[in-house]
C-alpha cells in the first residue's frame, strides 16, 4: 500500500484526490498548506507527494524544499493551473519528478501511481 501526501488549499481537489487514491489502495494524508503538511505525522513514511505550487503562506517550492529534507526518498509531483515556469524549473532542480497541469484527469493521477520511478 502506497502512502500519499496531497498538499492543496482547494478542498474539492483534495477530496477528489483522496477518494481516487483510496480507491487505488493508497493511504492518503491531506494538508491545506505547506505549514500544515510539515506538521503532519509522517512516521510511517510517504511514498508520493502531490504539491500545488500556489499555496497560501509557504508556497509549493518552499514546501518541497523542506519535505525533501525530511522525506528524501518520496516522489514529488507538482500541480498548478497557472503558468509558473520559473517555479517549476526550480522545483525540478530540488527534486520534483513531474508536473501535472490543472485541471487534470483521473488518468494523470493513475499514471503517477503506476510509474515505477523512485
C-alpha atoms as a PDB file:
ATOM      1  CA  UNK A   1       0.000   0.000   0.000  1.00  0.00           C
ATOM      2  CA  UNK A   2       1.384   3.381  -1.032  1.00  0.00           C
ATOM      3  CA  UNK A   3       1.227   6.362   1.294  1.00  0.00           C
ATOM      4  CA  UNK A   4       0.393   9.622  -0.455  1.00  0.00           C
ATOM      5  CA  UNK A   5       0.501  13.196   0.826  1.00  0.00           C
ATOM      6  CA  UNK A   6      -1.686  15.699  -1.042  1.00  0.00           C
ATOM      7  CA  UNK A   7      -0.967  19.381  -0.379  1.00  0.00           C
ATOM      8  CA  UNK A   8      -3.511  21.755  -1.895  1.00  0.00           C
ATOM      9  CA  UNK A   9      -5.597  24.607  -0.497  1.00  0.00           C
ATOM     10  CA  UNK A  10      -8.529  23.635  -2.746  1.00  0.00           C
ATOM     11  CA  UNK A  11     -10.697  21.317  -0.649  1.00  0.00           C
ATOM     12  CA  UNK A  12     -12.522  19.972  -3.738  1.00  0.00           C
ATOM     13  CA  UNK A  13      -9.248  18.839  -5.313  1.00  0.00           C
ATOM     14  CA  UNK A  14      -8.158  17.286  -2.020  1.00  0.00           C
ATOM     15  CA  UNK A  15     -11.451  15.416  -1.688  1.00  0.00           C
ATOM     16  CA  UNK A  16     -11.323  14.204  -5.294  1.00  0.00           C
ATOM     17  CA  UNK A  17      -7.732  13.006  -4.936  1.00  0.00           C
ATOM     18  CA  UNK A  18      -8.376  11.354  -1.556  1.00  0.00           C
ATOM     19  CA  UNK A  19     -11.333   9.395  -2.938  1.00  0.00           C
ATOM     20  CA  UNK A  20      -9.462   8.407  -6.097  1.00  0.00           C
ATOM     21  CA  UNK A  21      -6.264   7.400  -4.319  1.00  0.00           C
ATOM     22  CA  UNK A  22      -8.106   5.383  -1.675  1.00  0.00           C
ATOM     23  CA  UNK A  23      -9.913   3.507  -4.466  1.00  0.00           C
ATOM     24  CA  UNK A  24      -6.436   2.556  -5.686  1.00  0.00           C
ATOM     25  CA  UNK A  25      -5.384   1.165  -2.295  1.00  0.00           C
ATOM     26  CA  UNK A  26      -3.414   4.185  -1.074  1.00  0.00           C
ATOM     27  CA  UNK A  27      -3.224   5.621   2.411  1.00  0.00           C
ATOM     28  CA  UNK A  28      -3.857   9.362   1.972  1.00  0.00           C
ATOM     29  CA  UNK A  29      -2.806  12.313   4.111  1.00  0.00           C
ATOM     30  CA  UNK A  30      -4.283  15.729   3.206  1.00  0.00           C
ATOM     31  CA  UNK A  31      -2.818  19.146   4.015  1.00  0.00           C
ATOM     32  CA  UNK A  32      -4.229  22.534   3.016  1.00  0.00           C
ATOM     33  CA  UNK A  33      -0.907  24.366   3.235  1.00  0.00           C
ATOM     34  CA  UNK A  34       2.817  23.764   3.313  1.00  0.00           C
ATOM     35  CA  UNK A  35       2.927  24.568   7.001  1.00  0.00           C
ATOM     36  CA  UNK A  36       0.156  22.069   7.736  1.00  0.00           C
ATOM     37  CA  UNK A  37       1.989  19.402   5.719  1.00  0.00           C
ATOM     38  CA  UNK A  38       5.160  19.928   7.741  1.00  0.00           C
ATOM     39  CA  UNK A  39       3.208  19.377  10.974  1.00  0.00           C
ATOM     40  CA  UNK A  40       1.652  16.081   9.847  1.00  0.00           C
ATOM     41  CA  UNK A  41       2.874  12.855  11.438  1.00  0.00           C
ATOM     42  CA  UNK A  42       4.811  11.083   8.699  1.00  0.00           C
ATOM     43  CA  UNK A  43       6.479   8.407  10.826  1.00  0.00           C
ATOM     44  CA  UNK A  44       5.070   5.697   8.560  1.00  0.00           C
ATOM     45  CA  UNK A  45       6.705   7.337   5.574  1.00  0.00           C
ATOM     46  CA  UNK A  46       5.271   8.867   2.449  1.00  0.00           C
ATOM     47  CA  UNK A  47       5.837   7.383  -0.999  1.00  0.00           C
ATOM     48  CA  UNK A  48       4.353  10.130  -3.193  1.00  0.00           C
ATOM     49  CA  UNK A  49       3.728  13.831  -2.546  1.00  0.00           C
ATOM     50  CA  UNK A  50       1.398  15.882  -4.748  1.00  0.00           C
ATOM     51  CA  UNK A  51       2.095  19.600  -4.181  1.00  0.00           C
ATOM     52  CA  UNK A  52       0.193  22.566  -5.527  1.00  0.00           C
ATOM     53  CA  UNK A  53       2.693  25.281  -6.440  1.00  0.00           C
ATOM     54  CA  UNK A  54       0.342  28.117  -5.403  1.00  0.00           C
ATOM     55  CA  UNK A  55      -0.232  27.680  -1.693  1.00  0.00           C
ATOM     56  CA  UNK A  56      -1.070  30.289   0.934  1.00  0.00           C
ATOM     57  CA  UNK A  57       1.916  31.222   3.079  1.00  0.00           C
ATOM     58  CA  UNK A  58       4.754  28.845   2.256  1.00  0.00           C
ATOM     59  CA  UNK A  59       4.499  28.141  -1.488  1.00  0.00           C
ATOM     60  CA  UNK A  60       4.848  24.735  -3.104  1.00  0.00           C
ATOM     61  CA  UNK A  61       8.542  25.104  -3.928  1.00  0.00           C
ATOM     62  CA  UNK A  62       9.411  26.099  -0.359  1.00  0.00           C
ATOM     63  CA  UNK A  63       7.323  23.187   0.888  1.00  0.00           C
ATOM     64  CA  UNK A  64       9.106  20.817  -1.496  1.00  0.00           C
ATOM     65  CA  UNK A  65      12.486  22.045  -0.256  1.00  0.00           C
ATOM     66  CA  UNK A  66      11.536  21.346   3.384  1.00  0.00           C
ATOM     67  CA  UNK A  67       9.871  17.991   2.709  1.00  0.00           C
ATOM     68  CA  UNK A  68      12.768  16.777   0.567  1.00  0.00           C
ATOM     69  CA  UNK A  69      14.992  17.000   3.654  1.00  0.00           C
ATOM     70  CA  UNK A  70      12.522  15.009   5.761  1.00  0.00           C
ATOM     71  CA  UNK A  71      11.358  12.570   3.084  1.00  0.00           C
ATOM     72  CA  UNK A  72      14.292  12.231   0.662  1.00  0.00           C
ATOM     73  CA  UNK A  73      13.013   9.014  -0.935  1.00  0.00           C
ATOM     74  CA  UNK A  74       9.494  10.234  -1.726  1.00  0.00           C
ATOM     75  CA  UNK A  75       8.414  11.051  -5.278  1.00  0.00           C
ATOM     76  CA  UNK A  76       7.331  14.677  -5.698  1.00  0.00           C
ATOM     77  CA  UNK A  77       4.652  15.689  -8.208  1.00  0.00           C
ATOM     78  CA  UNK A  78       3.864  19.372  -8.809  1.00  0.00           C
ATOM     79  CA  UNK A  79       0.411  20.661  -9.673  1.00  0.00           C
ATOM     80  CA  UNK A  80      -0.747  24.066 -10.881  1.00  0.00           C
ATOM     81  CA  UNK A  81      -3.352  25.699 -13.054  1.00  0.00           C
ATOM     82  CA  UNK A  82      -1.138  28.718 -13.632  1.00  0.00           C
ATOM     83  CA  UNK A  83       1.922  29.113 -15.873  1.00  0.00           C
ATOM     84  CA  UNK A  84       4.799  29.340 -13.417  1.00  0.00           C
ATOM     85  CA  UNK A  85       7.793  28.181 -15.447  1.00  0.00           C
ATOM     86  CA  UNK A  86      10.439  29.634 -13.116  1.00  0.00           C
ATOM     87  CA  UNK A  87       8.865  27.923 -10.088  1.00  0.00           C
ATOM     88  CA  UNK A  88       8.536  24.630 -11.958  1.00  0.00           C
ATOM     89  CA  UNK A  89      12.190  24.743 -13.073  1.00  0.00           C
ATOM     90  CA  UNK A  90      13.307  25.475  -9.508  1.00  0.00           C
ATOM     91  CA  UNK A  91      11.222  22.584  -8.183  1.00  0.00           C
ATOM     92  CA  UNK A  92      12.756  20.177 -10.711  1.00  0.00           C
ATOM     93  CA  UNK A  93      16.230  21.259  -9.558  1.00  0.00           C
ATOM     94  CA  UNK A  94      15.236  20.481  -5.961  1.00  0.00           C
ATOM     95  CA  UNK A  95      13.908  17.047  -6.867  1.00  0.00           C
ATOM     96  CA  UNK A  96      10.395  17.172  -8.282  1.00  0.00           C
ATOM     97  CA  UNK A  97       9.750  14.350 -10.724  1.00  0.00           C
ATOM     98  CA  UNK A  98       6.773  15.550 -12.705  1.00  0.00           C
ATOM     99  CA  UNK A  99       4.385  18.439 -13.321  1.00  0.00           C
ATOM    100  CA  UNK A 100       0.633  17.983 -13.772  1.00  0.00           C
ATOM    101  CA  UNK A 101      -1.355  20.901 -15.159  1.00  0.00           C
ATOM    102  CA  UNK A 102      -4.737  21.599 -13.566  1.00  0.00           C
ATOM    103  CA  UNK A 103      -7.387  20.705 -14.343  1.00  0.00           C
ATOM    104  CA  UNK A 104      -6.029  17.185 -14.531  1.00  0.00           C
ATOM    105  CA  UNK A 105      -7.847  13.941 -15.193  1.00  0.00           C
ATOM    106  CA  UNK A 106      -8.066  10.660 -13.361  1.00  0.00           C
ATOM    107  CA  UNK A 107      -5.583   9.148 -15.826  1.00  0.00           C
ATOM    108  CA  UNK A 108      -2.913  11.692 -14.802  1.00  0.00           C
ATOM    109  CA  UNK A 109      -3.056  10.547 -11.179  1.00  0.00           C
ATOM    110  CA  UNK A 110      -3.236   6.847 -12.077  1.00  0.00           C
ATOM    111  CA  UNK A 111      -0.194   7.274 -14.324  1.00  0.00           C
ATOM    112  CA  UNK A 112       1.786   8.613 -11.359  1.00  0.00           C
ATOM    113  CA  UNK A 113       0.710   5.654  -9.211  1.00  0.00           C
ATOM    114  CA  UNK A 114       1.689   3.158 -11.901  1.00  0.00           C
ATOM    115  CA  UNK A 115       5.041   4.784 -12.662  1.00  0.00           C
ATOM    116  CA  UNK A 116       7.960   2.691 -11.408  1.00  0.00           C
ATOM    117  CA  UNK A 117      10.300   5.642 -10.777  1.00  0.00           C
ATOM    118  CA  UNK A 118      11.736   6.207  -7.330  1.00  0.00           C
END
